[in-house]
Amino acid sequence: MRRTSTLVACLVSLFAALVAVRAEAQILLSDRNGDGEIEIVAFGDSITYGVGDGIAPGTYVEQITDSGAPRGYPLRLSEALGVSVLNAGIPGEELVTEGIFRIPELVVGSTADAIIIKEGVNDAVHLVDAASISTAYQTAINVARAEGKGVMIATIAPPTQLHASLAPFTDSYSQSIRELAVLNSLPLADIQAAFVTACPLLSICSYYNLPEGLHPNTLGYDAISEVMLQSLAGGN
């Protein structure tokens, strides 16, 4: 009888958590400040900016030197949802030393209704530990919520080939981000899981510009956007 009661309690708790996540996802697509428009800020680094977008799968890419105009998943979300999605990605930015100080500039007193947070690859280059990334993410979440913004967070696609050495760090970051999503009842765009599922052999994954192996190509950005849209619909 006690086991049954425990199972029921766990199921009730899980249901409550799912309801909370779905409610938070709906908040991202609502006019929270009553200005008649829905505006989402997409915060991150070069992968939010869209570096590598526009390059077709199968193209040999050893290095990307031209960032081009910002596009990536923010542009796709804006087109799919019919709302304003500000691309606030800065190529090369580290979360713990730069990005965390930029978050208040984007949300404090702004007209944005919500923010999507996805950053960390450049921290891996400098061997930043997962605990520091977790602390920075939680701080960003706290700042955004204190300003009444909706929040969604996203895991990091594992770098491969020429950047494969970064993957153990980004994988640990992604696990911390998943834990924060549960802790804060936030919608999660699990990009890392989606890429691994679609590409069991990441070294030849059609989502990346290869052999560069860090930035997605057009197909990869399409995949990221699809995961984001599922999350916004309460699918995670």
Protein backbone atom coordinates (compact mmCIF):
# COMPACT_ATOMS: atom_id res chain seq x y z
CA MET A 1 0.00 0.00 0.00
CA ARG A 2 2.87 2.33 0.87
CA ARG A 3 4.51 1.68 -2.52
CA THR A 4 1.26 2.51 -4.28
CA SER A 5 0.95 5.75 -2.35
CA THR A 6 4.53 6.67 -3.20
CA LEU A 7 3.96 5.95 -6.89
CA VAL A 8 0.79 8.05 -6.91
CA ALA A 9 2.64 10.91 -5.22
CA CYS A 10 5.42 10.71 -7.80
CA LEU A 11 2.94 10.73 -10.67
CA VAL A 12 1.11 13.72 -9.20
CA SER A 13 4.42 15.54 -8.80
CA LEU A 14 5.42 14.73 -12.39
CA PHE A 15 2.06 15.91 -13.72
CA ALA A 16 2.37 19.17 -11.78
CA ALA A 17 5.86 19.71 -13.19
CA LEU A 18 4.64 19.12 -16.76
CA VAL A 19 1.76 21.55 -16.25
CA ALA A 20 4.21 24.17 -14.95
CA VAL A 21 6.52 23.70 -17.95
CA ARG A 22 3.65 23.97 -20.43
CA ALA A 23 2.44 27.13 -18.69
CA GLU A 24 5.93 28.62 -18.92
CA ALA A 25 6.11 27.72 -22.62
CA GLN A 26 2.83 29.55 -23.22
CA ILE A 27 4.25 32.59 -21.41
CA LEU A 28 7.00 32.85 -24.03
CA LEU A 29 4.33 33.34 -26.68
CA SER A 30 2.25 35.89 -24.78
CA ASP A 31 2.25 39.67 -24.60
CA ARG A 32 3.40 39.90 -21.01
CA ASN A 33 3.92 43.66 -20.90
CA GLY A 34 0.68 44.56 -22.67
CA ASP A 35 2.26 46.64 -25.42
CA GLY A 36 0.33 44.83 -28.13
CA GLU A 37 3.33 42.91 -29.48
CA ILE A 38 5.15 39.69 -28.65
CA GLU A 39 8.92 40.04 -28.59
CA ILE A 40 11.42 37.27 -27.79
CA VAL A 41 15.14 37.79 -27.24
CA ALA A 42 17.40 34.97 -28.48
CA PHE A 43 20.53 35.23 -26.34
CA GLY A 44 23.74 33.38 -27.13
CA ASP A 45 26.96 33.16 -29.10
CA SER A 46 27.84 32.40 -32.73
CA ILE A 47 25.34 29.54 -33.01
CA THR A 48 22.54 31.89 -31.98
CA TYR A 49 23.93 34.51 -34.37
CA GLY A 50 23.80 31.95 -37.16
CA VAL A 51 27.44 31.47 -38.17
CA GLY A 52 27.58 28.74 -40.82
CA ASP A 53 23.94 29.13 -41.81
CA GLY A 54 23.43 29.24 -45.57
CA ILE A 55 26.06 26.56 -46.24
CA ALA A 56 24.53 23.45 -47.78
CA PRO A 57 25.06 19.97 -46.28
CA GLY A 58 27.96 18.13 -47.88
CA THR A 59 30.02 21.27 -48.52
CA TYR A 60 33.65 20.94 -47.37
CA VAL A 61 34.16 23.58 -44.67
CA GLU A 62 37.37 23.60 -42.67
CA GLN A 63 37.01 27.11 -41.26
CA ILE A 64 34.30 29.77 -41.28
CA THR A 65 35.76 33.25 -41.50
CA ASP A 66 32.70 35.29 -42.54
CA SER A 67 29.83 35.57 -40.06
CA GLY A 68 27.55 37.28 -42.58
CA ALA A 69 24.25 38.78 -41.51
CA PRO A 70 22.57 37.38 -38.38
CA ARG A 71 20.10 34.56 -39.12
CA GLY A 72 20.18 31.06 -37.57
CA TYR A 73 17.29 29.84 -35.46
CA PRO A 74 16.00 33.32 -34.40
CA LEU A 75 15.10 34.16 -38.01
CA ARG A 76 13.37 30.81 -38.47
CA LEU A 77 11.40 31.17 -35.22
CA SER A 78 10.28 34.66 -36.17
CA GLU A 79 9.05 33.46 -39.55
CA ALA A 80 7.35 30.35 -38.14
CA LEU A 81 5.67 32.09 -35.21
CA GLY A 82 4.95 35.47 -36.77
CA VAL A 83 6.46 37.32 -33.81
CA SER A 84 9.56 39.43 -33.29
CA VAL A 85 12.64 37.39 -32.31
CA LEU A 86 15.66 39.60 -31.64
CA ASN A 87 18.93 37.90 -32.57
CA ALA A 88 21.18 38.75 -29.60
CA GLY A 89 23.93 36.31 -30.49
CA ILE A 90 27.55 37.49 -30.31
CA PRO A 91 30.15 35.24 -31.97
CA GLY A 92 32.99 34.30 -29.65
CA GLU A 93 31.28 35.39 -26.44
CA GLU A 94 31.86 33.43 -23.23
CA LEU A 95 28.95 33.12 -20.83
CA VAL A 96 30.77 33.33 -17.51
CA THR A 97 33.04 36.26 -18.37
CA GLU A 98 30.94 38.33 -20.79
CA GLY A 99 27.49 36.98 -21.50
CA ILE A 100 26.26 37.00 -17.93
CA PHE A 101 26.88 40.76 -17.78
CA ARG A 102 25.03 41.32 -21.06
CA ILE A 103 21.81 39.64 -19.89
CA PRO A 104 20.67 42.62 -17.76
CA GLU A 105 21.26 44.97 -20.70
CA LEU A 106 18.85 42.89 -22.78
CA VAL A 107 16.04 42.38 -20.27
CA VAL A 108 16.08 45.11 -17.64
CA GLY A 109 13.57 47.76 -18.70
CA SER A 110 13.25 46.23 -22.18
CA THR A 111 10.06 45.61 -24.16
CA ALA A 112 10.90 41.92 -24.54
CA ASP A 113 8.33 39.45 -23.24
CA ALA A 114 10.65 36.46 -23.09
CA ILE A 115 14.22 35.27 -23.53
CA ILE A 116 15.78 32.09 -24.89
CA ILE A 117 19.18 31.36 -23.34
CA LYS A 118 21.67 29.20 -25.26
CA GLU A 119 25.37 29.76 -24.70
CA GLY A 120 28.52 27.97 -23.55
CA VAL A 121 30.62 26.67 -26.44
CA ASN A 122 33.29 29.36 -26.03
CA ASP A 123 33.46 28.64 -22.30
CA ALA A 124 34.43 25.07 -23.22
CA VAL A 125 37.38 26.44 -25.18
CA HIS A 126 38.64 27.90 -21.90
CA LEU A 127 37.88 24.74 -19.89
CA VAL A 128 35.18 26.33 -17.73
CA ASP A 129 33.61 23.76 -15.40
CA ALA A 130 29.94 22.82 -15.52
CA ALA A 131 29.26 24.23 -12.05
CA SER A 132 30.25 27.71 -13.23
CA ILE A 133 28.02 27.41 -16.28
CA SER A 134 25.14 26.27 -14.08
CA THR A 135 25.61 29.24 -11.76
CA ALA A 136 25.68 31.65 -14.71
CA TYR A 137 22.54 30.14 -16.23
CA GLN A 138 20.71 30.33 -12.92
CA THR A 139 21.73 33.95 -12.50
CA ALA A 140 20.46 34.75 -16.00
CA ILE A 141 17.17 32.98 -15.23
CA ASN A 142 16.80 34.93 -11.99
CA VAL A 143 17.44 38.27 -13.69
CA ALA A 144 14.95 37.55 -16.47
CA ARG A 145 12.25 36.37 -14.09
CA ALA A 146 12.78 39.35 -11.80
CA GLU A 147 11.93 41.50 -14.83
CA GLY A 148 8.79 39.45 -15.48
CA LYS A 149 10.13 37.77 -18.62
CA GLY A 150 9.32 34.27 -19.77
CA VAL A 151 12.39 32.01 -20.03
CA MET A 152 13.39 29.01 -22.11
CA ILE A 153 16.84 27.43 -21.94
CA ALA A 154 18.61 25.22 -24.46
CA THR A 155 21.32 22.58 -24.36
CA ILE A 156 24.39 22.67 -26.62
CA ALA A 157 25.00 20.57 -29.71
CA PRO A 158 28.19 18.52 -29.18
CA PRO A 159 31.10 19.79 -31.31
CA THR A 160 32.72 17.16 -33.51
CA GLN A 161 35.69 16.54 -35.82
CA LEU A 162 38.10 19.52 -35.60
CA HIS A 163 36.41 20.69 -32.38
CA ALA A 164 35.64 17.27 -30.86
CA SER A 165 37.84 17.98 -27.81
CA LEU A 166 35.21 20.47 -26.61
CA ALA A 167 32.41 17.88 -26.49
CA PRO A 168 33.09 16.54 -22.95
CA PHE A 169 32.67 20.10 -21.63
CA THR A 170 29.60 20.98 -23.67
CA ASP A 171 28.01 17.63 -22.76
CA SER A 172 28.50 18.38 -19.06
CA TYR A 173 27.02 21.86 -19.60
CA SER A 174 24.00 20.33 -21.31
CA GLN A 175 23.38 18.01 -18.38
CA SER A 176 23.51 20.96 -15.98
CA ILE A 177 21.09 22.88 -18.21
CA ARG A 178 18.64 19.94 -18.13
CA GLU A 179 18.80 19.92 -14.34
CA LEU A 180 18.13 23.66 -14.22
CA ALA A 181 15.11 23.25 -16.49
CA VAL A 182 13.63 20.78 -14.01
CA LEU A 183 14.59 22.84 -10.97
CA ASN A 184 13.05 26.02 -12.39
CA SER A 185 10.10 24.37 -14.22
CA LEU A 186 11.31 25.84 -17.52
CA PRO A 187 10.71 24.68 -21.09
CA LEU A 188 13.87 23.04 -22.42
CA ALA A 189 15.05 22.91 -26.01
CA ASP A 190 17.27 19.83 -25.83
CA ILE A 191 19.46 20.48 -28.88
CA GLN A 192 22.17 18.11 -27.68
CA ALA A 193 19.80 15.16 -27.42
CA ALA A 194 18.22 15.93 -30.81
CA PHE A 195 21.58 16.01 -32.58
CA VAL A 196 22.81 12.80 -30.92
CA THR A 197 19.54 11.02 -31.75
CA ALA A 198 19.58 12.13 -35.38
CA CYS A 199 23.33 11.45 -35.79
CA PRO A 200 24.59 8.44 -33.81
CA LEU A 201 27.92 8.97 -35.60
CA LEU A 202 28.47 12.68 -35.05
CA SER A 203 31.70 12.80 -37.05
CA ILE A 204 29.68 12.46 -40.26
CA CYS A 205 26.51 14.24 -39.09
CA SER A 206 24.81 16.11 -41.92
CA TYR A 207 23.78 18.86 -39.49
CA TYR A 208 27.34 20.27 -39.23
CA ASN A 209 29.69 22.13 -41.48
CA LEU A 210 32.43 19.51 -41.80
CA PRO A 211 35.22 18.99 -41.00
CA GLU A 212 34.91 22.28 -39.05
CA GLY A 213 32.42 20.48 -36.81
CA LEU A 214 31.36 23.35 -34.58
CA HIS A 215 28.74 25.38 -36.42
CA PRO A 216 25.61 23.89 -37.98
CA ASN A 217 24.86 24.22 -41.68
CA THR A 218 21.45 25.09 -43.10
CA LEU A 219 20.06 21.65 -42.20
CA GLY A 220 21.45 21.90 -38.68
CA TYR A 221 19.85 25.27 -38.07
CA ASP A 222 16.58 23.87 -39.38
CA ALA A 223 16.87 21.08 -36.79
CA ILE A 224 17.63 23.51 -33.96
CA SER A 225 14.62 25.60 -34.92
CA GLU A 226 12.34 22.56 -34.94
CA VAL A 227 13.41 21.61 -31.42
CA MET A 228 12.82 25.20 -30.31
CA LEU A 229 9.33 25.22 -31.83
CA GLN A 230 8.45 21.92 -30.14
CA SER A 231 9.60 23.35 -26.82
CA LEU A 232 7.59 26.52 -27.29
CA ALA A 233 4.55 24.34 -27.97
CA GLY A 234 5.11 22.59 -24.64
CA GLY A 235 6.49 19.46 -26.24
CA ASN A 236 9.28 18.95 -23.70
